[in-house]
Amino acid sequence: MWACFGNFRYSWTNLTTLPFKEKSMKTRTKWNIDEAGTLLRLILEHSQLPLDELKYRKFDKSFWLKLQEEMNRDYMHIHCFWLCYLHVQLFVECDIKLYKLRRKLFKLLRDSSYRVWSDIRWAEVQTHFPDGLTTRFLYKMCISLVRKHPNYLKTPLPELANFGLQTIQSSRYTNKRLKRLTLNDEGNLEVVPNP
């Protein structure tokens, strides 16, 4: 009867705890600039640090759990949003075209000494890019395209990088830029106009 669940204990635990989780924590909702501003204000309040010192600052799980209680969002979603979006948009000071960034990233991976996807050390890759970009952001820029390749984890990295380059060549979104944000005098986030 339980053979369909694979590992009995793991599956049974998931099966019994699933109905008791809060729905608000399970569902993902989109972030807007007001919620991002609220998150930034809470981070500044709880960390007791100025904005400039938050760059590449790591916080432990208890910090993100406090924010989870106040924002009514899962702490992993909050942490991921901070690393993938808000941190990058606050601390990157130059104008970045996402198409060019992806091209540079895939060319760097193609010419690197890494053999397969799991060999990549994102902290080393990050050193070739402008200050403020996080490793999580660079990973997300690649994985969204690479995941479409069958068996991408075992494919040689030069072949995978060429696949990524071909995919972005055929993309319709070649002129998107990274939206940058700044904190205004009232403590709200606002979009920095691109040049």
C-alpha atoms as a PDB file:
ATOM      1  CA  MET A   1       0.000   0.000   0.000  1.00  0.00           C
ATOM      2  CA  TRP A   2       2.789   2.449   0.911  1.00  0.00           C
ATOM      3  CA  ALA A   3       5.117   1.377  -1.891  1.00  0.00           C
ATOM      4  CA  CYS A   4       3.895   4.242  -4.049  1.00  0.00           C
ATOM      5  CA  PHE A   5       5.408   6.709  -1.572  1.00  0.00           C
ATOM      6  CA  GLY A   6       8.990   5.445  -2.002  1.00  0.00           C
ATOM      7  CA  ASN A   7      10.750   6.113   1.280  1.00  0.00           C
ATOM      8  CA  PHE A   8       8.023   5.331   3.804  1.00  0.00           C
ATOM      9  CA  ARG A   9       9.107   7.492   6.742  1.00  0.00           C
ATOM     10  CA  TYR A  10       9.882  10.587   4.679  1.00  0.00           C
ATOM     11  CA  SER A  11       6.704  10.324   2.646  1.00  0.00           C
ATOM     12  CA  TRP A  12       4.525   9.592   5.640  1.00  0.00           C
ATOM     13  CA  THR A  13       5.929  12.624   7.485  1.00  0.00           C
ATOM     14  CA  ASN A  14       5.229  14.845   4.511  1.00  0.00           C
ATOM     15  CA  LEU A  15       1.778  13.354   4.099  1.00  0.00           C
ATOM     16  CA  THR A  16       0.793  13.979   7.729  1.00  0.00           C
ATOM     17  CA  THR A  17       2.251  17.482   8.106  1.00  0.00           C
ATOM     18  CA  LEU A  18       1.033  18.905   4.804  1.00  0.00           C
ATOM     19  CA  PRO A  19      -2.534  19.780   5.916  1.00  0.00           C
ATOM     20  CA  PHE A  20      -1.279  21.536   9.072  1.00  0.00           C
ATOM     21  CA  LYS A  21       1.020  24.039   7.401  1.00  0.00           C
ATOM     22  CA  GLU A  22      -0.279  27.563   7.116  1.00  0.00           C
ATOM     23  CA  LYS A  23      -1.514  28.370   3.658  1.00  0.00           C
ATOM     24  CA  SER A  24       0.019  31.853   3.739  1.00  0.00           C
ATOM     25  CA  MET A  25       3.467  30.351   4.228  1.00  0.00           C
ATOM     26  CA  LYS A  26       3.097  27.803   1.409  1.00  0.00           C
ATOM     27  CA  THR A  27       1.904  30.025  -1.386  1.00  0.00           C
ATOM     28  CA  ARG A  28       4.298  32.306  -3.172  1.00  0.00           C
ATOM     29  CA  THR A  29       3.146  35.793  -3.940  1.00  0.00           C
ATOM     30  CA  LYS A  30       4.802  38.408  -6.075  1.00  0.00           C
ATOM     31  CA  TRP A  31       6.792  41.171  -4.464  1.00  0.00           C
ATOM     32  CA  ASN A  32       6.110  44.812  -5.235  1.00  0.00           C
ATOM     33  CA  ILE A  33       8.157  47.902  -4.446  1.00  0.00           C
ATOM     34  CA  ASP A  34       6.169  48.694  -1.274  1.00  0.00           C
ATOM     35  CA  GLU A  35       6.749  45.222   0.185  1.00  0.00           C
ATOM     36  CA  ALA A  36      10.421  45.390  -0.805  1.00  0.00           C
ATOM     37  CA  GLY A  37      10.647  48.728   1.018  1.00  0.00           C
ATOM     38  CA  THR A  38       9.017  47.199   4.086  1.00  0.00           C
ATOM     39  CA  LEU A  39      11.502  44.328   3.978  1.00  0.00           C
ATOM     40  CA  LEU A  40      14.445  46.721   3.706  1.00  0.00           C
ATOM     41  CA  ARG A  41      13.182  48.823   6.628  1.00  0.00           C
ATOM     42  CA  LEU A  42      12.805  45.673   8.757  1.00  0.00           C
ATOM     43  CA  ILE A  43      16.305  44.496   7.821  1.00  0.00           C
ATOM     44  CA  LEU A  44      17.735  47.901   8.765  1.00  0.00           C
ATOM     45  CA  GLU A  45      15.750  47.916  12.019  1.00  0.00           C
ATOM     46  CA  HIS A  46      16.689  44.393  13.143  1.00  0.00           C
ATOM     47  CA  SER A  47      20.330  44.527  12.041  1.00  0.00           C
ATOM     48  CA  GLN A  48      20.963  48.018  13.506  1.00  0.00           C
ATOM     49  CA  LEU A  49      23.283  48.680  10.552  1.00  0.00           C
ATOM     50  CA  PRO A  50      23.325  51.465   7.968  1.00  0.00           C
ATOM     51  CA  LEU A  51      22.415  50.553   4.398  1.00  0.00           C
ATOM     52  CA  ASP A  52      26.026  50.637   3.166  1.00  0.00           C
ATOM     53  CA  GLU A  53      27.078  47.924   5.629  1.00  0.00           C
ATOM     54  CA  LEU A  54      24.398  45.483   4.434  1.00  0.00           C
ATOM     55  CA  LYS A  55      26.346  44.695   1.254  1.00  0.00           C
ATOM     56  CA  TYR A  56      27.314  40.985   1.317  1.00  0.00           C
ATOM     57  CA  ARG A  57      26.304  40.830   4.982  1.00  0.00           C
ATOM     58  CA  LYS A  58      25.228  37.340   6.078  1.00  0.00           C
ATOM     59  CA  PHE A  59      22.537  36.817   8.687  1.00  0.00           C
ATOM     60  CA  ASP A  60      21.699  33.613  10.500  1.00  0.00           C
ATOM     61  CA  LYS A  61      18.393  31.776  10.337  1.00  0.00           C
ATOM     62  CA  SER A  62      16.993  33.380  13.496  1.00  0.00           C
ATOM     63  CA  PHE A  63      17.233  36.807  11.830  1.00  0.00           C
ATOM     64  CA  TRP A  64      15.141  35.659   8.850  1.00  0.00           C
ATOM     65  CA  LEU A  65      12.642  33.935  11.172  1.00  0.00           C
ATOM     66  CA  LYS A  66      11.991  37.288  12.902  1.00  0.00           C
ATOM     67  CA  LEU A  67      11.241  38.810   9.519  1.00  0.00           C
ATOM     68  CA  GLN A  68       8.969  35.867   8.692  1.00  0.00           C
ATOM     69  CA  GLU A  69       6.808  36.633  11.718  1.00  0.00           C
ATOM     70  CA  GLU A  70       6.524  40.315  10.875  1.00  0.00           C
ATOM     71  CA  MET A  71       5.950  39.951   7.125  1.00  0.00           C
ATOM     72  CA  ASN A  72       3.830  36.764   7.167  1.00  0.00           C
ATOM     73  CA  ARG A  73       5.982  35.187   4.460  1.00  0.00           C
ATOM     74  CA  ASP A  74       8.174  32.120   4.564  1.00  0.00           C
ATOM     75  CA  TYR A  75      11.696  32.998   5.700  1.00  0.00           C
ATOM     76  CA  MET A  76      13.243  31.118   2.764  1.00  0.00           C
ATOM     77  CA  HIS A  77      11.269  33.244   0.284  1.00  0.00           C
ATOM     78  CA  ILE A  78      12.345  36.402   2.108  1.00  0.00           C
ATOM     79  CA  HIS A  79      15.993  35.328   2.124  1.00  0.00           C
ATOM     80  CA  CYS A  80      15.899  34.333  -1.547  1.00  0.00           C
ATOM     81  CA  PHE A  81      14.251  37.632  -2.514  1.00  0.00           C
ATOM     82  CA  TRP A  82      16.959  39.523  -0.635  1.00  0.00           C
ATOM     83  CA  LEU A  83      19.813  37.640  -2.322  1.00  0.00           C
ATOM     84  CA  CYS A  84      18.405  37.364  -5.847  1.00  0.00           C
ATOM     85  CA  TYR A  85      16.695  40.689  -6.294  1.00  0.00           C
ATOM     86  CA  LEU A  86      16.763  43.377  -3.620  1.00  0.00           C
ATOM     87  CA  HIS A  87      20.475  43.175  -2.716  1.00  0.00           C
ATOM     88  CA  VAL A  88      21.469  43.308  -6.379  1.00  0.00           C
ATOM     89  CA  GLN A  89      19.139  46.186  -7.204  1.00  0.00           C
ATOM     90  CA  LEU A  90      20.380  48.224  -4.239  1.00  0.00           C
ATOM     91  CA  PHE A  91      24.130  47.702  -4.463  1.00  0.00           C
ATOM     92  CA  VAL A  92      24.981  47.424  -8.179  1.00  0.00           C
ATOM     93  CA  GLU A  93      26.036  50.908  -9.201  1.00  0.00           C
ATOM     94  CA  CYS A  94      26.499  50.460 -12.948  1.00  0.00           C
ATOM     95  CA  ASP A  95      23.955  50.034 -15.725  1.00  0.00           C
ATOM     96  CA  ILE A  96      23.638  46.335 -16.622  1.00  0.00           C
ATOM     97  CA  LYS A  97      21.921  44.826 -19.631  1.00  0.00           C
ATOM     98  CA  LEU A  98      20.768  41.340 -18.655  1.00  0.00           C
ATOM     99  CA  TYR A  99      21.390  39.966 -22.151  1.00  0.00           C
ATOM    100  CA  LYS A 100      25.050  41.047 -22.076  1.00  0.00           C
ATOM    101  CA  LEU A 101      25.450  39.785 -18.523  1.00  0.00           C
ATOM    102  CA  ARG A 102      24.186  36.330 -19.499  1.00  0.00           C
ATOM    103  CA  ARG A 103      26.429  36.245 -22.583  1.00  0.00           C
ATOM    104  CA  LYS A 104      29.481  37.112 -20.492  1.00  0.00           C
ATOM    105  CA  LEU A 105      28.494  34.544 -17.882  1.00  0.00           C
ATOM    106  CA  PHE A 106      28.059  31.695 -20.363  1.00  0.00           C
ATOM    107  CA  LYS A 107      31.286  32.580 -22.210  1.00  0.00           C
ATOM    108  CA  LEU A 108      33.149  32.600 -18.901  1.00  0.00           C
ATOM    109  CA  LEU A 109      31.736  29.183 -17.990  1.00  0.00           C
ATOM    110  CA  ARG A 110      32.515  27.801 -21.458  1.00  0.00           C
ATOM    111  CA  ASP A 111      36.171  28.862 -21.253  1.00  0.00           C
ATOM    112  CA  SER A 112      36.636  27.881 -17.601  1.00  0.00           C
ATOM    113  CA  SER A 113      38.278  24.752 -16.219  1.00  0.00           C
ATOM    114  CA  TYR A 114      35.013  23.439 -14.767  1.00  0.00           C
ATOM    115  CA  ARG A 115      33.878  20.160 -16.327  1.00  0.00           C
ATOM    116  CA  VAL A 116      30.207  19.859 -15.373  1.00  0.00           C
ATOM    117  CA  TRP A 117      27.539  22.062 -13.802  1.00  0.00           C
ATOM    118  CA  SER A 118      28.117  20.822 -10.252  1.00  0.00           C
ATOM    119  CA  ASP A 119      31.832  21.786 -10.415  1.00  0.00           C
ATOM    120  CA  ILE A 120      31.095  25.499 -10.698  1.00  0.00           C
ATOM    121  CA  ARG A 121      32.284  27.601  -7.767  1.00  0.00           C
ATOM    122  CA  TRP A 122      30.020  30.629  -7.928  1.00  0.00           C
ATOM    123  CA  ALA A 123      32.148  32.689  -5.539  1.00  0.00           C
ATOM    124  CA  GLU A 124      35.016  32.462  -8.050  1.00  0.00           C
ATOM    125  CA  VAL A 125      32.697  33.316 -10.942  1.00  0.00           C
ATOM    126  CA  GLN A 126      31.386  36.340  -9.030  1.00  0.00           C
ATOM    127  CA  THR A 127      34.847  37.968  -8.994  1.00  0.00           C
ATOM    128  CA  HIS A 128      34.594  38.569 -12.772  1.00  0.00           C
ATOM    129  CA  PHE A 129      31.454  40.703 -12.450  1.00  0.00           C
ATOM    130  CA  PRO A 130      30.578  44.148 -11.053  1.00  0.00           C
ATOM    131  CA  ASP A 131      30.460  44.684  -7.328  1.00  0.00           C
ATOM    132  CA  GLY A 132      27.045  44.073  -5.775  1.00  0.00           C
ATOM    133  CA  LEU A 133      26.036  41.022  -7.828  1.00  0.00           C
ATOM    134  CA  THR A 134      25.462  38.019  -5.582  1.00  0.00           C
ATOM    135  CA  THR A 135      26.369  34.424  -6.342  1.00  0.00           C
ATOM    136  CA  ARG A 136      22.705  33.491  -5.999  1.00  0.00           C
ATOM    137  CA  PHE A 137      21.741  36.064  -8.656  1.00  0.00           C
ATOM    138  CA  LEU A 138      24.361  34.766 -11.114  1.00  0.00           C
ATOM    139  CA  TYR A 139      23.256  31.181 -10.485  1.00  0.00           C
ATOM    140  CA  LYS A 140      19.624  32.144 -11.095  1.00  0.00           C
ATOM    141  CA  MET A 141      20.535  33.917 -14.349  1.00  0.00           C
ATOM    142  CA  CYS A 142      22.071  30.676 -15.646  1.00  0.00           C
ATOM    143  CA  ILE A 143      19.854  27.960 -14.217  1.00  0.00           C
ATOM    144  CA  SER A 144      16.687  29.414 -15.717  1.00  0.00           C
ATOM    145  CA  LEU A 145      18.095  28.681 -19.194  1.00  0.00           C
ATOM    146  CA  VAL A 146      20.269  25.642 -18.497  1.00  0.00           C
ATOM    147  CA  ARG A 147      17.470  23.697 -16.826  1.00  0.00           C
ATOM    148  CA  LYS A 148      15.802  23.315 -20.239  1.00  0.00           C
ATOM    149  CA  HIS A 149      18.680  21.116 -21.435  1.00  0.00           C
ATOM    150  CA  PRO A 150      18.051  17.396 -20.905  1.00  0.00           C
ATOM    151  CA  ASN A 151      20.415  15.934 -18.308  1.00  0.00           C
ATOM    152  CA  TYR A 152      22.113  19.282 -17.689  1.00  0.00           C
ATOM    153  CA  LEU A 153      23.879  18.094 -14.526  1.00  0.00           C
ATOM    154  CA  LYS A 154      26.014  15.539 -16.397  1.00  0.00           C
ATOM    155  CA  THR A 155      26.463  17.391 -19.693  1.00  0.00           C
ATOM    156  CA  PRO A 156      30.002  18.772 -20.264  1.00  0.00           C
ATOM    157  CA  LEU A 157      30.046  22.435 -19.319  1.00  0.00           C
ATOM    158  CA  PRO A 158      31.306  23.796 -22.682  1.00  0.00           C
ATOM    159  CA  GLU A 159      28.380  22.078 -24.423  1.00  0.00           C
ATOM    160  CA  LEU A 160      25.964  23.392 -21.797  1.00  0.00           C
ATOM    161  CA  ALA A 161      27.355  26.935 -22.097  1.00  0.00           C
ATOM    162  CA  ASN A 162      26.921  26.805 -25.886  1.00  0.00           C
ATOM    163  CA  PHE A 163      23.325  25.685 -25.332  1.00  0.00           C
ATOM    164  CA  GLY A 164      22.809  28.684 -23.043  1.00  0.00           C
ATOM    165  CA  LEU A 165      24.346  31.060 -25.598  1.00  0.00           C
ATOM    166  CA  GLN A 166      22.075  29.703 -28.347  1.00  0.00           C
ATOM    167  CA  THR A 167      19.054  30.034 -26.070  1.00  0.00           C
ATOM    168  CA  ILE A 168      19.706  33.683 -25.273  1.00  0.00           C
ATOM    169  CA  GLN A 169      20.340  34.422 -28.966  1.00  0.00           C
ATOM    170  CA  SER A 170      16.791  33.305 -29.733  1.00  0.00           C
ATOM    171  CA  SER A 171      15.329  35.183 -26.765  1.00  0.00           C
ATOM    172  CA  ARG A 172      12.923  38.056 -27.340  1.00  0.00           C
ATOM    173  CA  TYR A 173      14.120  39.973 -24.310  1.00  0.00           C
ATOM    174  CA  THR A 174      17.467  41.271 -25.508  1.00  0.00           C
ATOM    175  CA  ASN A 175      17.121  44.841 -24.268  1.00  0.00           C
ATOM    176  CA  LYS A 176      16.090  44.321 -20.625  1.00  0.00           C
ATOM    177  CA  ARG A 177      18.137  46.158 -18.042  1.00  0.00           C
ATOM    178  CA  LEU A 178      18.606  45.529 -14.347  1.00  0.00           C
ATOM    179  CA  LYS A 179      16.301  47.885 -12.473  1.00  0.00           C
ATOM    180  CA  ARG A 180      18.225  49.660  -9.766  1.00  0.00           C
ATOM    181  CA  LEU A 181      16.653  50.912  -6.542  1.00  0.00           C
ATOM    182  CA  THR A 182      17.599  53.556  -4.018  1.00  0.00           C
ATOM    183  CA  LEU A 183      16.308  54.583  -0.614  1.00  0.00           C
ATOM    184  CA  ASN A 184      14.876  58.118  -0.698  1.00  0.00           C
ATOM    185  CA  ASP A 185      14.767  60.648   2.165  1.00  0.00           C
ATOM    186  CA  GLU A 186      11.375  59.407   3.411  1.00  0.00           C
ATOM    187  CA  GLY A 187      12.710  55.837   3.735  1.00  0.00           C
ATOM    188  CA  ASN A 188      10.897  54.451   0.692  1.00  0.00           C
ATOM    189  CA  LEU A 189      12.392  52.632  -2.260  1.00  0.00           C
ATOM    190  CA  GLU A 190      12.327  54.284  -5.655  1.00  0.00           C
ATOM    191  CA  VAL A 191      13.562  53.189  -9.069  1.00  0.00           C
ATOM    192  CA  VAL A 192      16.739  54.824 -10.358  1.00  0.00           C
ATOM    193  CA  PRO A 193      16.165  55.906 -13.978  1.00  0.00           C
ATOM    194  CA  ASN A 194      18.412  54.158 -16.496  1.00  0.00           C
ATOM    195  CA  PRO A 195      20.682  56.374 -18.619  1.00  0.00           C
END
